[in-house]
Amino acid sequence: MKKVIFLLLICGAILAGCSNNSGMVDDSSDRNRRLSAVYDTDERQLIDDWDEFWLFDQNLKLTEWHVFVGD
């Protein structure tokens, strides 16, 4: 009988979960804050990737003459 009561208490505690709001469940403001941080990071990475793409653009030799710019 004691084992059954103990088993019911354990099962009840597992099924009930956390009663306060500090558990793993997020409310809408936490979810929106996390998503905006993810979007901000993604936008920064996209800009870095775009800049890196253009920085790796190699100069092409379109002319056989050396072009001198300056004094």
N, C-alpha and C. Protein backbone atom coordinates (compact mmCIF):
# COMPACT_ATOMS: atom_id res chain seq x y z
N MET A 1 0.82 -1.20 0.00
CA MET A 1 0.00 0.00 0.00
C MET A 1 0.86 1.26 0.00
N LYS A 2 1.95 1.23 0.78
CA LYS A 2 2.84 2.40 0.82
C LYS A 2 3.51 2.63 -0.53
N LYS A 3 3.81 1.54 -1.21
CA LYS A 3 4.45 1.67 -2.52
C LYS A 3 3.49 2.30 -3.53
N VAL A 4 2.24 1.96 -3.45
CA VAL A 4 1.24 2.52 -4.37
C VAL A 4 1.07 4.01 -4.12
N ILE A 5 0.98 4.40 -2.85
CA ILE A 5 0.84 5.81 -2.51
C ILE A 5 2.07 6.59 -2.95
N PHE A 6 3.26 6.04 -2.71
CA PHE A 6 4.50 6.68 -3.13
C PHE A 6 4.53 6.83 -4.66
N LEU A 7 4.14 5.78 -5.36
CA LEU A 7 4.10 5.82 -6.82
C LEU A 7 3.11 6.86 -7.32
N LEU A 8 1.95 6.98 -6.69
CA LEU A 8 0.97 7.99 -7.08
C LEU A 8 1.49 9.40 -6.81
N LEU A 9 2.19 9.60 -5.71
CA LEU A 9 2.76 10.91 -5.42
C LEU A 9 3.83 11.30 -6.45
N ILE A 10 4.67 10.36 -6.81
CA ILE A 10 5.70 10.62 -7.81
C ILE A 10 5.06 10.93 -9.16
N CYS A 11 4.09 10.13 -9.56
CA CYS A 11 3.41 10.38 -10.84
C CYS A 11 2.69 11.73 -10.83
N GLY A 12 2.07 12.07 -9.72
CA GLY A 12 1.39 13.36 -9.62
C GLY A 12 2.36 14.53 -9.71
N ALA A 13 3.52 14.38 -9.09
CA ALA A 13 4.52 15.45 -9.14
C ALA A 13 5.06 15.60 -10.56
N ILE A 14 5.26 14.51 -11.26
CA ILE A 14 5.76 14.57 -12.63
C ILE A 14 4.73 15.18 -13.56
N LEU A 15 3.48 14.79 -13.42
CA LEU A 15 2.43 15.30 -14.30
C LEU A 15 2.07 16.75 -14.00
N ALA A 16 2.22 17.17 -12.75
CA ALA A 16 1.86 18.54 -12.38
C ALA A 16 2.87 19.54 -12.91
N GLY A 17 4.13 19.17 -12.92
CA GLY A 17 5.17 20.07 -13.41
C GLY A 17 5.40 21.21 -12.45
N CYS A 18 5.97 22.27 -12.94
CA CYS A 18 6.26 23.44 -12.11
C CYS A 18 5.01 24.30 -12.00
N SER A 19 4.72 24.73 -10.80
CA SER A 19 3.53 25.54 -10.62
C SER A 19 3.81 27.03 -10.79
N ASN A 20 5.08 27.44 -10.70
CA ASN A 20 5.39 28.86 -10.88
C ASN A 20 5.77 29.13 -12.33
N ASN A 21 6.00 30.38 -12.67
CA ASN A 21 6.28 30.78 -14.04
C ASN A 21 7.77 30.76 -14.36
N SER A 22 8.60 30.28 -13.45
CA SER A 22 10.04 30.27 -13.69
C SER A 22 10.49 28.98 -14.35
N GLY A 23 9.57 28.18 -14.83
CA GLY A 23 9.91 26.92 -15.47
C GLY A 23 10.36 27.12 -16.90
N MET A 24 10.20 26.11 -17.70
CA MET A 24 10.66 26.15 -19.08
C MET A 24 9.63 26.75 -20.03
N VAL A 25 8.45 27.02 -19.55
CA VAL A 25 7.40 27.57 -20.39
C VAL A 25 7.59 29.08 -20.50
N ASP A 26 7.63 29.58 -21.73
CA ASP A 26 7.80 31.01 -21.96
C ASP A 26 6.45 31.65 -22.25
N ASP A 27 6.33 32.89 -21.86
CA ASP A 27 5.14 33.62 -22.26
C ASP A 27 5.45 34.36 -23.56
N SER A 28 4.49 35.09 -24.07
CA SER A 28 4.65 35.68 -25.39
C SER A 28 5.74 36.75 -25.42
N SER A 29 5.93 37.49 -24.33
CA SER A 29 6.97 38.52 -24.34
C SER A 29 8.37 37.89 -24.37
N ASP A 30 8.57 36.78 -23.64
CA ASP A 30 9.86 36.09 -23.71
C ASP A 30 10.12 35.53 -25.10
N ARG A 31 9.08 34.96 -25.70
CA ARG A 31 9.22 34.40 -27.03
C ARG A 31 9.53 35.49 -28.06
N ASN A 32 8.85 36.63 -27.97
CA ASN A 32 9.11 37.73 -28.91
C ASN A 32 10.51 38.31 -28.73
N ARG A 33 10.97 38.42 -27.48
CA ARG A 33 12.31 38.92 -27.22
C ARG A 33 13.37 37.97 -27.78
N ARG A 34 13.16 36.68 -27.60
CA ARG A 34 14.11 35.70 -28.13
C ARG A 34 14.11 35.70 -29.66
N LEU A 35 12.94 35.79 -30.27
CA LEU A 35 12.88 35.82 -31.73
C LEU A 35 13.50 37.08 -32.31
N SER A 36 13.32 38.22 -31.63
CA SER A 36 13.94 39.44 -32.14
C SER A 36 15.46 39.36 -32.02
N ALA A 37 15.96 38.72 -30.97
CA ALA A 37 17.42 38.54 -30.85
C ALA A 37 17.94 37.62 -31.94
N VAL A 38 17.19 36.58 -32.28
CA VAL A 38 17.59 35.65 -33.34
C VAL A 38 17.58 36.37 -34.68
N TYR A 39 16.53 37.15 -34.96
CA TYR A 39 16.45 37.87 -36.22
C TYR A 39 17.57 38.90 -36.34
N ASP A 40 17.89 39.57 -35.24
CA ASP A 40 18.98 40.55 -35.25
C ASP A 40 20.31 39.87 -35.58
N THR A 41 20.56 38.73 -34.96
CA THR A 41 21.80 37.99 -35.25
C THR A 41 21.83 37.51 -36.68
N ASP A 42 20.71 37.03 -37.19
CA ASP A 42 20.66 36.56 -38.58
C ASP A 42 20.92 37.70 -39.57
N GLU A 43 20.36 38.88 -39.29
CA GLU A 43 20.58 40.02 -40.18
C GLU A 43 22.05 40.44 -40.18
N ARG A 44 22.68 40.43 -39.01
CA ARG A 44 24.10 40.78 -38.94
C ARG A 44 24.96 39.77 -39.69
N GLN A 45 24.63 38.49 -39.57
CA GLN A 45 25.39 37.47 -40.29
C GLN A 45 25.19 37.60 -41.79
N LEU A 46 23.99 37.93 -42.22
CA LEU A 46 23.73 38.11 -43.65
C LEU A 46 24.54 39.27 -44.20
N ILE A 47 24.60 40.37 -43.46
CA ILE A 47 25.39 41.52 -43.91
C ILE A 47 26.86 41.16 -43.97
N ASP A 48 27.36 40.43 -42.98
CA ASP A 48 28.76 40.00 -43.00
C ASP A 48 29.05 39.09 -44.18
N ASP A 49 28.13 38.17 -44.47
CA ASP A 49 28.32 37.28 -45.61
C ASP A 49 28.32 38.04 -46.92
N TRP A 50 27.42 39.02 -47.04
CA TRP A 50 27.35 39.83 -48.26
C TRP A 50 28.65 40.62 -48.45
N ASP A 51 29.16 41.22 -47.36
CA ASP A 51 30.41 41.97 -47.44
C ASP A 51 31.58 41.05 -47.79
N GLU A 52 31.60 39.87 -47.20
CA GLU A 52 32.68 38.92 -47.49
C GLU A 52 32.65 38.47 -48.95
N PHE A 53 31.46 38.30 -49.49
CA PHE A 53 31.33 37.92 -50.89
C PHE A 53 31.97 38.97 -51.79
N TRP A 54 31.71 40.25 -51.53
CA TRP A 54 32.26 41.30 -52.37
C TRP A 54 33.73 41.56 -52.09
N LEU A 55 34.21 41.26 -50.89
CA LEU A 55 35.63 41.43 -50.61
C LEU A 55 36.47 40.36 -51.31
N PHE A 56 35.91 39.20 -51.53
CA PHE A 56 36.64 38.14 -52.22
C PHE A 56 36.58 38.28 -53.73
N ASP A 57 35.90 39.30 -54.22
CA ASP A 57 35.83 39.55 -55.65
C ASP A 57 37.23 39.93 -56.14
N GLN A 58 37.78 39.16 -57.03
CA GLN A 58 39.14 39.38 -57.51
C GLN A 58 39.15 40.45 -58.60
N ASN A 59 40.22 41.23 -58.62
CA ASN A 59 40.38 42.22 -59.67
C ASN A 59 40.68 41.50 -60.98
N LEU A 60 39.98 41.89 -62.00
CA LEU A 60 40.20 41.30 -63.32
C LEU A 60 41.10 42.20 -64.14
N LYS A 61 41.94 41.60 -64.92
CA LYS A 61 42.80 42.39 -65.80
C LYS A 61 42.04 42.62 -67.10
N LEU A 62 41.43 43.78 -67.19
CA LEU A 62 40.66 44.09 -68.38
C LEU A 62 41.51 44.77 -69.45
N THR A 63 42.69 45.23 -69.07
CA THR A 63 43.55 45.90 -70.02
C THR A 63 44.98 45.38 -69.84
N GLU A 64 45.75 45.43 -70.89
CA GLU A 64 47.13 44.99 -70.79
C GLU A 64 48.05 46.13 -70.38
N TRP A 65 47.55 47.38 -70.35
CA TRP A 65 48.36 48.52 -69.98
C TRP A 65 48.20 48.80 -68.49
N HIS A 66 49.24 49.25 -67.87
CA HIS A 66 49.19 49.62 -66.46
C HIS A 66 48.58 51.01 -66.34
N VAL A 67 47.61 51.12 -65.53
CA VAL A 67 46.94 52.40 -65.34
C VAL A 67 47.55 53.05 -64.11
N PHE A 68 48.04 54.29 -64.29
CA PHE A 68 48.68 55.01 -63.20
C PHE A 68 47.75 56.13 -62.76
N VAL A 69 47.43 56.13 -61.48
CA VAL A 69 46.56 57.17 -60.91
C VAL A 69 47.37 57.89 -59.86
N GLY A 70 47.48 59.19 -59.98
CA GLY A 70 48.22 59.96 -58.97
C GLY A 70 49.01 61.07 -59.62
N ASP A 71 50.04 61.52 -58.91
CA ASP A 71 50.87 62.63 -59.41
C ASP A 71 51.70 62.24 -60.58
